[in-house]
Protein backbone atom coordinates (compact mmCIF):
# COMPACT_ATOMS: atom_id res chain seq x y z
CA MET A 1 -2.60 -5.72 -11.16
CA PHE A 2 -2.99 -6.71 -7.49
CA THR A 3 -5.65 -7.73 -5.02
CA GLY A 4 -4.58 -5.97 -1.84
CA ILE A 5 -4.10 -9.30 0.01
CA VAL A 6 -0.66 -9.09 1.47
CA GLU A 7 1.45 -12.20 0.93
CA GLU A 8 4.34 -11.46 3.26
CA ILE A 9 6.11 -8.76 5.30
CA GLY A 10 9.52 -7.96 3.83
CA LYS A 11 12.46 -6.24 5.55
CA ILE A 12 14.46 -3.42 4.02
CA ILE A 13 18.14 -4.43 3.85
CA SER A 14 19.50 -1.35 2.23
CA ILE A 15 18.49 1.90 0.56
CA THR A 16 20.91 3.48 -1.99
CA LYS A 17 20.33 6.89 -3.61
CA SER A 18 21.06 6.84 -7.35
CA ALA A 19 20.56 10.36 -8.88
CA GLY A 20 16.94 11.23 -8.04
CA ASN A 21 15.92 7.59 -7.43
CA LEU A 22 16.13 5.17 -4.54
CA ASP A 23 17.34 1.52 -5.07
CA ILE A 24 15.63 -0.44 -2.26
CA THR A 25 16.93 -3.98 -1.39
CA VAL A 26 14.28 -6.15 0.32
CA LYS A 27 14.76 -9.48 2.11
CA ALA A 28 11.70 -11.82 1.65
CA LYS A 29 10.87 -15.47 1.63
CA MET A 30 9.17 -15.06 -1.84
CA THR A 31 12.54 -13.90 -3.48
CA PRO A 32 13.44 -17.34 -4.95
CA GLU A 33 10.17 -17.26 -6.81
CA LEU A 34 10.79 -13.74 -8.27
CA LYS A 35 12.37 -12.90 -11.66
CA ILE A 36 13.93 -9.69 -13.06
CA ASP A 37 11.30 -7.36 -14.49
CA GLN A 38 8.54 -8.74 -12.33
CA SER A 39 6.16 -6.30 -10.65
CA VAL A 40 5.83 -6.48 -6.76
CA SER A 41 3.64 -4.22 -4.57
CA HIS A 42 5.56 -2.56 -1.77
CA ASN A 43 3.18 -0.87 0.73
CA GLY A 44 0.78 -0.62 -2.24
CA VAL A 45 3.41 0.74 -4.65
CA CYS A 46 4.03 -1.33 -7.80
CA LEU A 47 7.85 -1.50 -8.40
CA THR A 48 9.89 -3.58 -10.78
CA VAL A 49 12.43 -6.17 -9.63
CA VAL A 50 15.86 -5.12 -11.14
CA SER A 51 18.16 -7.56 -9.38
CA ILE A 52 18.00 -10.77 -7.29
CA GLN A 53 20.66 -12.30 -5.03
CA ASP A 54 19.94 -15.19 -2.73
CA ASN A 55 16.95 -14.18 -0.66
CA GLU A 56 17.13 -10.49 -1.38
CA TYR A 57 15.96 -8.48 -4.37
CA THR A 58 16.26 -4.83 -5.42
CA VAL A 59 13.62 -2.50 -6.88
CA THR A 60 14.01 1.19 -8.01
CA ALA A 61 11.64 3.96 -6.94
CA VAL A 62 11.87 6.97 -9.27
CA ASN A 63 11.51 10.52 -7.98
CA GLU A 64 7.82 10.80 -9.04
CA THR A 65 7.07 7.67 -6.97
CA LEU A 66 8.97 9.09 -3.98
CA GLU A 67 7.07 12.40 -4.17
CA LYS A 68 3.59 10.73 -4.02
CA THR A 69 4.24 7.96 -1.52
CA ASN A 70 5.85 7.12 1.79
CA LEU A 71 8.76 5.13 0.23
CA GLY A 72 11.17 8.02 0.63
CA SER A 73 10.77 7.82 4.44
CA LEU A 74 11.77 4.21 4.63
CA ASP A 75 14.88 3.24 6.59
CA LYS A 76 17.08 0.19 6.69
CA GLY A 77 15.38 -2.37 8.95
CA ASP A 78 11.79 -1.13 8.26
CA GLN A 79 9.12 -3.58 7.22
CA VAL A 80 6.90 -3.43 4.08
CA ASN A 81 3.82 -5.17 3.00
CA LEU A 82 4.50 -7.34 -0.14
CA GLU A 83 2.29 -8.78 -2.81
CA ARG A 84 3.19 -10.25 -6.26
CA GLY A 85 1.04 -9.47 -9.19
CA MET A 86 -2.26 -11.26 -9.49
CA LYS A 87 -2.55 -14.44 -11.50
CA LEU A 88 -5.08 -14.39 -14.25
CA GLY A 89 -7.97 -16.71 -13.35
CA ALA A 90 -7.17 -16.63 -9.59
CA ARG A 91 -9.74 -15.61 -7.03
CA LEU A 92 -9.89 -11.92 -6.38
CA ASP A 93 -10.12 -12.00 -2.55
CA GLY A 94 -9.54 -8.25 -2.10
CA HIS A 95 -10.48 -5.74 -4.76
CA ILE A 96 -8.81 -4.49 -8.05
CA VAL A 97 -5.62 -2.75 -7.04
CA GLN A 98 -3.34 -1.17 -9.61
CA GLY A 99 -0.34 -0.46 -7.36
CA HIS A 100 -0.59 3.18 -8.37
CA VAL A 101 -0.65 5.24 -5.15
CA ASP A 102 -2.99 8.27 -5.40
CA GLN A 103 -1.77 10.17 -2.39
CA THR A 104 -0.62 9.72 1.23
CA ALA A 105 -2.56 10.09 4.45
CA THR A 106 -1.72 10.41 8.14
CA CYS A 107 -2.89 7.84 10.71
CA LYS A 108 -4.92 10.04 13.06
CA GLU A 109 -6.14 7.59 15.69
CA ILE A 110 -6.06 3.87 16.59
CA ILE A 111 -8.80 2.52 18.82
CA GLU A 112 -8.69 -1.07 20.16
CA LYS A 113 -12.19 -2.58 20.05
CA ASP A 114 -12.58 -5.86 21.88
CA GLY A 115 -10.54 -8.04 19.49
CA SER A 116 -10.13 -5.67 16.55
CA TRP A 117 -8.74 -2.19 15.84
CA GLU A 118 -10.27 0.91 14.18
CA PHE A 119 -7.65 3.03 12.32
CA THR A 120 -8.59 6.55 11.31
CA PHE A 121 -6.65 8.26 8.45
CA GLU A 122 -6.71 11.86 7.44
CA TYR A 123 -5.97 12.92 3.82
CA ASN A 124 -5.97 16.10 1.68
CA PRO A 125 -9.35 16.27 -0.04
CA GLU A 126 -8.28 19.04 -2.43
CA ILE A 127 -6.63 16.41 -4.60
CA GLY A 128 -10.23 15.19 -5.33
CA ASN A 129 -10.15 11.66 -4.14
CA ILE A 130 -13.19 10.38 -2.15
CA THR A 131 -14.17 7.36 0.00
CA ILE A 132 -17.67 5.96 0.57
CA GLU A 133 -19.06 3.88 3.40
CA LYS A 134 -18.58 0.22 2.63
CA GLY A 135 -16.39 1.09 -0.34
CA SER A 136 -12.87 -0.27 -0.97
CA ILE A 137 -9.63 1.49 -0.16
CA THR A 138 -6.07 0.28 -0.23
CA VAL A 139 -3.84 1.39 2.65
CA ASN A 140 -0.15 0.45 2.39
CA GLY A 141 -1.21 -2.22 -0.09
CA VAL A 142 -3.91 -3.74 2.09
CA SER A 143 -7.36 -4.05 0.65
CA LEU A 144 -9.84 -2.73 3.17
CA THR A 145 -13.45 -1.67 3.56
CA VAL A 146 -14.28 1.87 4.70
CA VAL A 147 -16.38 1.93 7.71
CA ASN A 148 -16.62 5.68 8.30
CA SER A 149 -16.28 8.21 5.52
CA LYS A 150 -15.89 11.95 5.86
CA LYS A 151 -14.65 14.64 3.51
CA ASN A 152 -11.02 14.43 4.57
CA GLU A 153 -10.87 11.27 6.55
CA PHE A 154 -12.08 7.68 6.79
CA SER A 155 -11.74 4.72 9.23
CA VAL A 156 -11.15 1.02 8.56
CA ALA A 157 -11.71 -1.94 10.91
CA ILE A 158 -8.71 -4.23 11.17
CA ILE A 159 -9.28 -7.89 12.19
CA PRO A 160 -6.55 -9.82 14.22
CA TYR A 161 -5.38 -11.71 11.15
CA THR A 162 -4.69 -8.55 9.13
CA PHE A 163 -3.14 -6.78 12.19
CA ASN A 164 -0.73 -9.72 12.78
CA ASN A 165 0.19 -10.36 9.20
CA THR A 166 0.69 -6.88 7.78
CA ILE A 167 2.59 -3.84 9.04
CA PHE A 168 -0.61 -2.54 10.65
CA ASN A 169 0.80 -3.80 13.89
CA ASN A 170 3.65 -1.25 13.60
CA LEU A 171 1.51 1.73 12.70
CA LYS A 172 1.03 4.57 15.20
CA ALA A 173 -0.74 7.82 15.23
CA GLY A 174 1.18 10.31 13.12
CA ASP A 175 2.65 7.74 10.64
CA MET A 176 2.21 8.39 6.92
CA VAL A 177 0.65 5.66 4.75
CA ASN A 178 0.03 5.20 1.02
CA LEU A 179 -3.53 5.31 -0.29
CA GLU A 180 -4.97 3.93 -3.47
CA PHE A 181 -8.53 4.78 -3.92
CA ASP A 182 -11.02 2.35 -5.68
CA VAL A 183 -10.38 2.43 -9.40
CA ILE A 184 -14.04 2.03 -10.28
CA GLY A 185 -15.05 4.90 -7.95
CA LYS A 186 -12.30 7.07 -9.59
CA TYR A 187 -13.80 6.49 -13.05
CA VAL A 188 -17.42 7.14 -11.93
CA LYS A 189 -16.28 10.46 -10.17
CA ARG A 190 -14.47 11.42 -13.37
CA ILE A 191 -17.35 10.72 -15.63
CA SER A 192 -19.76 12.55 -13.34
CA GLU A 193 -17.50 15.70 -13.50
CA PHE A 194 -18.06 15.81 -17.28
CA SER A 195 -21.78 15.15 -17.21
């Protein structure tokens, strides 16, 4: 379980194909505090630490994860948003994030707005996910509030702190991002389908 509050930006050191999986090695300041079998969110994708060496650790992304996320498009040298699992009893500064990406989206537009940025993302609505105005959404592991919701797109406002301390400062129109829709909203939508 995560909160969507990014702790650190990690750097991809290597990516190795192993059958249908990818072993991804990340350099991060938090590495000495990690342990084998611990969950870490990478651009919103919950992955398990399988090895640790000095200030680098390795996680494995299986084929199903690669099909549903943007992890398969990562290259050596790319940056990723990182967050360790939430501590029980800690403040929930973002929202409840499972680290289970629902689908990807494409960054459609970025507008600079006098000290902040508005990012618009387009996604496939046929999968059945929805956003609502002022609802929560996780984009590449960052907990955000929807400011403009349409059937197949939404926008979020990014403050300078978030822009400077996540990989939002690297995003450009056309880039693919990972989306996790609000878990409570998903349950409500599912229940209403059977009512």
